[in-house]
Protein backbone atom coordinates (compact mmCIF):
# COMPACT_ATOMS: atom_id res chain seq x y z
CA MET A 1 107.78 156.43 81.50
CA ARG A 2 109.20 155.38 84.87
CA PHE A 3 105.65 155.25 86.32
CA SER A 4 104.50 153.03 83.45
CA ARG A 5 107.40 150.67 84.01
CA VAL A 6 106.51 150.44 87.69
CA ILE A 7 102.93 149.59 86.82
CA ILE A 8 104.04 146.96 84.30
CA PHE A 9 106.41 145.45 86.84
CA LEU A 10 103.71 145.29 89.51
CA LEU A 11 101.28 143.64 87.10
CA TRP A 12 103.94 141.13 86.11
CA ALA A 13 104.75 140.38 89.74
CA LEU A 14 101.11 139.81 90.57
CA ALA A 15 100.71 137.50 87.58
CA ALA A 16 103.85 135.58 88.54
CA PHE A 17 102.59 135.17 92.10
CA ALA A 18 99.17 134.04 90.90
CA SER A 19 100.69 131.51 88.48
CA CYS A 20 102.95 129.91 91.08
CA SER A 21 99.98 128.12 92.64
CA ASP A 22 96.26 127.70 92.07
CA ASP A 23 95.86 127.05 95.79
CA LYS A 24 93.62 129.85 97.07
CA SER A 25 94.41 129.00 100.69
CA VAL A 26 98.04 130.15 100.37
CA SER A 27 97.41 133.54 101.92
CA GLU A 28 99.37 133.49 105.19
CA ARG A 29 102.85 134.87 104.67
CA GLU A 30 105.94 132.91 105.65
CA TYR A 31 107.22 134.46 108.85
CA GLY A 32 110.73 133.02 109.10
CA GLY A 33 110.00 131.98 112.67
CA VAL A 34 107.27 132.15 115.26
CA PRO A 35 105.87 135.71 115.38
CA TYR A 36 104.90 137.42 118.62
CA PRO A 37 102.56 136.77 120.43
CA TYR A 38 102.38 133.09 119.38
CA ARG A 39 103.96 130.22 121.30
CA HIS A 40 107.17 128.53 120.26
CA TYR A 41 107.01 124.76 120.12
CA ASP A 42 108.77 124.29 123.48
CA ASP A 43 106.38 126.75 125.15
CA ALA A 44 103.45 124.90 123.60
CA MET A 45 104.68 121.59 125.00
CA ASP A 46 105.21 123.17 128.42
CA PHE A 47 101.62 124.41 128.28
CA LEU A 48 100.16 121.00 127.40
CA TYR A 49 102.12 119.11 130.03
CA GLY A 50 101.34 121.83 132.55
CA VAL A 51 97.61 121.47 131.90
CA ASN A 52 97.94 117.72 132.36
CA ALA A 53 99.73 118.27 135.68
CA ASP A 54 97.06 120.71 136.85
CA TYR A 55 94.08 118.60 135.75
CA PRO A 56 95.21 114.95 135.85
CA GLU A 57 91.68 113.72 136.55
CA ILE A 58 90.33 114.94 133.20
CA THR A 59 93.39 115.09 130.89
CA LYS A 60 95.97 112.76 129.42
CA ILE A 61 98.87 113.41 127.03
CA GLU A 62 99.07 111.08 124.04
CA TYR A 63 102.11 110.76 121.78
CA ILE A 64 101.12 110.62 118.12
CA GLY A 65 104.48 110.57 116.35
CA SER A 66 107.45 112.71 115.41
CA SER A 67 108.15 115.31 112.77
CA VAL A 68 110.94 115.20 110.19
CA ARG A 69 113.23 116.99 112.65
CA GLY A 70 112.26 114.73 115.53
CA ARG A 71 109.83 117.02 117.35
CA ALA A 72 107.07 115.12 119.12
CA ILE A 73 103.51 115.53 117.86
CA VAL A 74 101.26 115.26 120.89
CA GLY A 75 97.59 115.50 121.66
CA ILE A 76 95.81 116.13 124.90
CA VAL A 77 92.75 114.02 125.75
CA ILE A 78 90.09 115.88 127.73
CA SER A 79 87.29 113.81 129.23
CA SER A 80 85.95 112.97 132.66
CA GLY A 81 85.30 109.46 133.85
CA GLU A 82 85.56 106.40 131.62
CA SER A 83 86.22 107.33 127.99
CA LYS A 84 85.23 103.97 126.48
CA GLY A 85 82.09 104.10 124.39
CA LYS A 86 81.93 107.89 124.21
CA PRO A 87 81.78 109.75 120.89
CA ARG A 88 85.38 110.71 120.07
CA VAL A 89 86.07 114.18 118.68
CA ARG A 90 89.46 115.27 117.33
CA LEU A 91 90.48 118.91 116.84
CA THR A 92 93.70 119.56 114.91
CA GLY A 93 95.58 122.83 114.34
CA SER A 94 98.67 124.02 112.47
CA ILE A 95 98.70 121.40 109.71
CA HIS A 96 100.13 124.40 107.86
CA GLY A 97 102.92 125.68 110.05
CA ASN A 98 102.49 129.38 109.30
CA GLU A 99 98.75 129.43 110.09
CA TYR A 100 99.37 130.21 113.74
CA ILE A 101 95.85 131.21 114.72
CA SER A 102 94.63 127.71 113.77
CA GLY A 103 96.59 126.24 116.67
CA GLU A 104 96.33 129.13 119.10
CA ILE A 105 92.54 128.97 119.34
CA LEU A 106 92.96 125.34 120.40
CA PHE A 107 95.36 126.25 123.19
CA ARG A 108 92.74 128.70 124.42
CA PHE A 109 89.99 126.12 124.06
CA ILE A 110 92.02 123.65 126.15
CA ASP A 111 92.37 126.31 128.84
CA TYR A 112 88.65 127.08 128.65
CA LEU A 113 87.50 123.44 128.96
CA THR A 114 89.80 122.59 131.85
CA SER A 115 89.33 125.79 133.85
CA GLU A 116 85.53 125.75 133.45
CA TYR A 117 85.16 122.07 134.39
CA LEU A 118 83.03 121.82 137.56
CA PHE A 119 82.26 125.56 137.34
CA ASP A 120 80.24 125.66 134.12
CA ASN A 121 77.55 122.96 134.05
CA SER A 122 77.48 122.76 130.25
CA VAL A 123 81.25 122.16 130.08
CA THR A 124 81.09 119.64 132.93
CA GLU A 125 78.35 117.66 131.17
CA LEU A 126 80.16 117.83 127.83
CA LEU A 127 83.30 116.29 129.31
CA LYS A 128 81.21 113.54 130.90
CA GLU A 129 79.64 112.64 127.56
CA ARG A 130 82.49 113.15 125.07
CA CYS A 131 86.11 112.17 124.62
CA ILE A 132 87.90 115.18 123.11
CA VAL A 133 91.40 114.96 121.63
CA ILE A 134 93.10 118.23 120.76
CA ILE A 135 96.29 118.37 118.66
CA PRO A 136 97.22 122.06 118.51
CA ILE A 137 100.40 121.66 116.43
CA PHE A 138 100.36 118.91 113.81
CA ASN A 139 103.28 120.40 111.83
CA PRO A 140 105.83 121.40 114.50
CA ASP A 141 108.73 121.95 112.07
CA GLY A 142 106.68 124.29 109.90
CA HIS A 143 105.42 125.98 113.05
CA GLU A 144 108.94 126.73 114.26
CA SER A 145 110.23 127.90 110.88
CA GLY A 146 107.16 130.00 110.10
CA ARG A 147 106.49 128.07 106.89
CA ARG A 148 103.45 126.34 105.49
CA TYR A 149 105.32 123.12 104.68
CA ASN A 150 107.07 120.53 106.80
CA ALA A 151 110.88 120.23 106.88
CA ASN A 152 110.81 118.18 103.65
CA ASN A 153 108.98 121.03 101.90
CA VAL A 154 105.79 118.96 101.69
CA ASP A 155 102.30 120.30 102.28
CA LEU A 156 100.88 117.85 104.81
CA ASN A 157 97.34 118.64 103.68
CA ARG A 158 98.24 117.22 100.24
CA ASN A 159 100.05 114.11 101.52
CA PHE A 160 97.03 111.87 102.06
CA LEU A 161 95.40 109.60 99.47
CA PHE A 162 94.40 110.99 96.06
CA TYR A 163 90.85 110.43 94.83
CA GLY A 164 90.68 112.70 91.78
CA LYS A 165 91.20 111.83 88.14
CA ASN A 166 94.70 113.32 88.16
CA SER A 167 96.96 111.05 90.19
CA SER A 168 100.20 112.90 89.42
CA ARG A 169 101.95 114.44 92.42
CA SER A 170 103.85 117.71 92.55
CA SER A 171 106.90 117.84 94.81
CA TYR A 172 104.92 119.55 97.58
CA HIS A 173 102.48 116.59 97.67
CA GLY A 174 105.26 114.15 98.58
CA LYS A 175 106.27 111.27 96.33
CA THR A 176 103.54 108.99 97.66
CA ALA A 177 100.68 109.26 100.15
CA PHE A 178 101.82 109.11 103.78
CA ASP A 179 105.50 109.28 102.91
CA GLN A 180 105.96 112.02 105.51
CA PRO A 181 106.38 111.05 109.18
CA GLU A 182 103.66 113.48 110.31
CA SER A 183 100.91 112.19 107.99
CA SER A 184 101.97 108.57 108.55
CA ALA A 185 101.71 109.06 112.32
CA MET A 186 98.26 110.60 111.97
CA MET A 187 97.10 107.68 109.83
CA ASP A 188 98.17 105.24 112.56
CA TYR A 189 96.70 107.37 115.33
CA SER A 190 93.35 107.45 113.52
CA ASN A 191 92.97 103.74 114.28
CA LYS A 192 91.63 104.91 117.63
CA ARG A 193 88.45 105.57 115.59
CA PHE A 194 87.34 109.15 115.80
CA HIS A 195 83.76 109.95 114.90
CA LEU A 196 83.83 113.68 114.27
CA SER A 197 86.75 116.03 113.74
CA ILE A 198 87.88 119.43 112.52
CA THR A 199 91.16 120.50 111.00
CA PHE A 200 91.70 124.23 111.48
CA HIS A 201 93.29 126.62 109.01
CA SER A 202 93.58 130.31 108.33
CA GLY A 203 93.54 132.27 105.09
CA GLU A 204 89.78 132.80 104.91
CA VAL A 205 86.70 132.47 107.10
CA ILE A 206 84.59 129.57 105.93
CA VAL A 207 83.49 126.03 106.85
CA ASN A 208 84.83 123.72 104.16
CA LEU A 209 83.28 120.24 103.72
CA PRO A 210 84.34 117.15 101.77
CA PHE A 211 84.97 116.66 98.96
CA ASP A 212 88.03 118.72 98.12
CA TYR A 213 88.97 116.64 95.11
CA GLY A 214 86.01 117.38 92.83
CA THR A 215 83.21 119.83 92.16
CA ARG A 216 79.44 119.52 92.17
CA SER A 217 79.41 120.46 88.48
CA GLU A 218 81.30 117.19 87.98
CA ASN A 219 78.71 115.51 90.23
CA ILE A 220 81.43 114.68 92.76
CA ILE A 221 79.66 115.06 96.09
CA PRO A 222 79.63 112.80 99.16
CA ASN A 223 76.76 110.38 99.66
CA GLU A 224 76.36 111.91 103.13
CA ASN A 225 76.30 115.48 101.83
CA GLU A 226 73.09 116.31 103.70
CA LEU A 227 74.63 115.18 106.99
CA LEU A 228 77.83 117.11 106.25
CA TRP A 229 75.92 120.32 105.56
CA GLU A 230 73.92 119.88 108.74
CA LEU A 231 77.12 119.58 110.77
CA GLY A 232 78.76 122.44 108.92
CA GLY A 233 75.72 124.58 109.63
CA ILE A 234 75.89 123.74 113.34
CA TYR A 235 79.44 125.10 113.43
CA ALA A 236 78.73 128.18 111.34
CA ASP A 237 75.51 129.14 113.11
CA SER A 238 76.50 128.48 116.73
CA GLY A 239 79.16 131.13 117.22
CA GLU A 240 80.06 134.45 115.67
CA VAL A 241 81.34 133.04 112.38
CA HIS A 242 78.20 134.34 110.67
CA ILE A 243 79.53 137.90 110.70
CA PHE A 244 81.92 136.88 107.90
CA LYS A 245 79.42 134.90 105.84
CA GLU A 246 78.43 135.24 102.23
CA ASN A 247 80.84 136.50 99.64
CA PRO A 248 79.05 135.42 96.46
CA ASP A 249 81.70 136.92 94.20
CA ILE A 250 84.22 134.43 95.59
CA TYR A 251 82.10 131.53 96.78
CA ARG A 252 79.48 130.76 94.20
CA TYR A 253 78.25 127.70 96.07
CA ALA A 254 78.71 128.94 99.65
CA VAL A 255 75.56 129.06 101.77
CA GLY A 256 75.62 130.48 105.27
CA GLY A 257 79.42 130.34 105.41
CA VAL A 258 79.56 126.65 104.39
CA ILE A 259 80.83 125.10 101.14
CA ASN A 260 81.90 121.77 99.67
CA GLY A 261 85.66 122.18 99.27
CA GLY A 262 85.98 121.50 95.56
CA ASP A 263 83.44 124.22 94.81
CA TRP A 264 85.87 126.69 96.37
CA TYR A 265 89.02 125.24 94.80
CA VAL A 266 90.07 121.67 94.01
CA VAL A 267 92.64 119.91 96.20
CA ASP A 268 93.74 116.29 96.03
CA GLY A 269 95.34 114.47 98.93
CA SER A 270 93.57 116.42 101.69
CA PHE A 271 93.23 115.19 105.25
CA GLN A 272 89.45 115.68 105.38
CA ASP A 273 88.77 113.63 102.24
CA TRP A 274 90.88 110.75 103.54
CA ASN A 275 89.06 110.87 106.89
CA TYR A 276 85.70 110.58 105.15
CA MET A 277 86.70 107.97 102.58
CA LYS A 278 88.98 105.71 104.63
CA ALA A 279 89.01 106.48 108.35
CA GLY A 280 85.25 106.49 108.94
CA CYS A 281 85.41 109.95 110.48
CA ILE A 282 83.59 113.07 109.35
CA ASP A 283 86.17 115.82 109.23
CA MET A 284 85.68 119.45 108.23
CA THR A 285 88.21 122.11 107.35
CA VAL A 286 87.40 125.31 109.23
CA GLU A 287 89.19 128.48 108.13
CA VAL A 288 89.00 130.76 111.16
CA ALA A 289 90.65 134.02 110.03
CA ARG A 290 92.03 135.64 106.90
CA SER A 291 95.40 135.94 108.61
CA SER A 292 96.87 135.30 112.04
CA PRO A 293 96.31 138.36 114.26
CA LEU A 294 99.50 139.75 115.78
CA THR A 295 97.89 141.06 118.96
CA GLN A 296 96.52 139.24 121.99
CA SER A 297 93.19 141.02 121.59
CA GLY A 298 92.96 139.93 117.96
CA ILE A 299 93.67 136.32 118.88
CA GLU A 300 91.09 136.43 121.66
CA GLU A 301 88.51 137.83 119.27
CA VAL A 302 88.98 134.93 116.85
CA PHE A 303 88.80 132.43 119.70
CA LEU A 304 85.54 133.91 120.98
CA TYR A 305 84.08 133.82 117.48
CA ASN A 306 84.70 130.06 117.46
CA ARG A 307 84.24 128.96 121.08
CA ASP A 308 80.49 128.36 121.04
CA SER A 309 80.76 126.75 117.61
CA LEU A 310 83.26 124.28 119.01
CA LEU A 311 81.00 123.43 121.94
CA ALA A 312 77.98 122.89 119.70
CA TYR A 313 79.95 120.80 117.23
CA ILE A 314 81.33 118.54 119.95
CA GLU A 315 77.81 118.13 121.32
CA ALA A 316 76.62 117.09 117.83
CA ALA A 317 79.01 114.12 117.91
CA GLY A 318 76.36 112.23 119.89
CA ASN A 319 73.59 112.65 117.32
CA GLY A 320 73.13 109.18 115.92
CA VAL A 321 73.32 105.49 116.79
CA TRP A 322 76.02 103.87 118.92
CA GLY A 323 76.73 100.63 120.64
CA LYS A 324 79.11 97.71 121.00
CA VAL A 325 79.64 94.86 118.56
CA ILE A 326 80.37 91.53 120.22
CA ASP A 327 80.75 87.90 119.16
CA GLU A 328 78.72 84.92 120.37
CA HIS A 329 80.90 84.70 123.48
CA GLY A 330 80.36 88.35 124.41
CA GLU A 331 83.86 89.40 123.33
CA PRO A 332 84.27 92.75 121.52
CA ILE A 333 84.94 92.70 117.79
CA GLU A 334 87.48 95.25 116.64
CA GLY A 335 87.37 96.58 113.08
CA ALA A 336 83.80 95.58 112.29
CA ALA A 337 82.50 97.80 109.48
CA ILE A 338 79.15 99.59 109.60
CA ARG A 339 77.66 100.72 106.33
CA ARG A 340 74.42 102.69 105.97
CA ALA A 341 71.99 101.56 103.29
CA GLY A 342 72.51 103.62 100.16
CA VAL A 343 75.83 105.06 101.34
CA GLU A 344 78.83 103.53 99.61
CA ASP A 345 81.58 106.06 100.30
CA PHE A 346 81.43 106.36 104.11
CA VAL A 347 82.00 103.38 106.39
CA VAL A 348 82.58 103.55 110.15
CA TYR A 349 84.42 100.95 112.20
CA THR A 350 84.42 99.57 115.72
CA ASP A 351 87.37 100.45 117.94
CA ALA A 352 89.58 98.10 119.95
CA ASP A 353 86.80 97.68 122.54
CA GLY A 354 84.10 96.98 119.94
CA TYR A 355 82.39 100.37 120.24
CA PHE A 356 81.03 102.31 117.28
CA MET A 357 79.24 105.59 116.63
CA ARG A 358 77.25 106.26 113.46
CA LEU A 359 76.18 109.89 113.02
CA LEU A 360 72.77 110.57 111.44
CA GLU A 361 70.81 113.64 110.44
CA LYS A 362 68.61 115.20 113.11
CA ASP A 363 65.41 114.46 111.19
CA CYS A 364 66.36 110.86 110.32
CA LEU A 365 63.49 108.73 111.63
CA SER A 366 64.74 105.37 110.38
CA THR A 367 67.58 103.83 108.43
CA GLU A 368 69.23 100.48 107.86
CA LEU A 369 72.74 99.69 109.07
CA CYS A 370 74.71 96.69 107.87
CA PHE A 371 77.40 95.25 110.16
CA PHE A 372 80.09 93.03 108.68
CA LYS A 373 83.53 91.62 109.43
CA LYS A 374 85.47 88.87 107.69
CA GLY A 375 84.69 85.55 109.35
CA TYR A 376 81.27 86.67 110.59
CA ALA A 377 77.83 86.63 108.99
CA ALA A 378 76.73 90.11 108.01
CA LYS A 379 73.79 91.53 109.94
CA THR A 380 71.39 94.28 108.86
CA ILE A 381 69.50 96.21 111.55
CA LYS A 382 66.58 98.54 110.94
CA VAL A 383 67.12 101.57 113.17
CA HIS A 384 64.00 103.53 114.15
CA ASN A 385 65.34 105.68 116.97
CA LYS A 386 68.66 107.29 117.71
CA GLY A 387 70.46 105.92 120.72
CA GLU A 388 72.24 102.80 121.82
CA ILE A 389 71.88 99.44 120.09
CA PRO A 390 73.69 96.19 120.99
CA VAL A 391 74.96 94.08 118.08
CA THR A 392 76.07 90.45 118.11
CA LEU A 393 77.74 88.92 115.05
CA GLU A 394 77.65 85.16 114.56
CA PRO A 395 80.44 83.17 112.90
CA GLU A 396 80.07 82.76 109.17
CA LEU A 397 78.94 79.26 108.24
């Protein structure tokens, strides 16, 4: 009888746990603080500023904003030479504070890029050709408390704009989009115009693509789905992530370790969907481990699984058409929109210096790009080759 009651209790507990959330990514436990061997926030800041002091010629610290409890959210820019006009790649970790491995692999990647500069030719060339911004800890309050949420008990990866049919918000979404200081700061920082990005998580091992808010059975897929899958495949195939691929019982639509997010489970208000729909940046969610390893060797193993994928993905940021949009006087035009023919849901924009980057599939031989900005006549350009194109917009008559 006692054994039966135990079994019934366990079944009830499992059902209660399952019913508390349909979010399949909630798999990292809450630690109640930073577990060994991960870095506390202050140690993390010391590391970033120390790297900047050691490599001032290729790094710069940028302040993004502050958390609920006033902790600074900072990124480190890694690039050699002039950064204007380069494809801009953003790598973000610890949007969920208890997913420690998602930030730790970025600390190790920072160390790898800076220490190998001038010693490894491939790294040296990459830093010449790309502007890389790494934000290892996006949710510093959650990081310090060992919790998924920020200090207002909001899931930052649910605090961006909603695109699904259900616009109602649970308390952990926040009352409105961007009502948390962390997500609001990231929205403003994104005006620097990133072209390719990744937000790292843990809880599984998979490359998760937009859209999160709907499923392919509902015919909710991005117009640029082919491009997204190509980029997702570059990440999954370039490192050791493939050893975890294919679990058809869980991921019906996963192929080669890649999936459109809503076909895994539906989320509204995610960072990657907002990046695609509003910021003109292709962002992927990469889940790097089923849980955060609690040994240095385990952390190093996860980093090495992902290192070559990161390098290949950053390299892919240059696969497309780029250039500078100017007016009739040769002055740069900020905020000019670039729309690809047939693509309505993804628009890229020029930055403060007039530069743009429009990613294309590897086998794209030609396409049409339309450039427009209020006050200027729209211009359509037939693109036959990838590479640099100059664009001049004339005043609207």
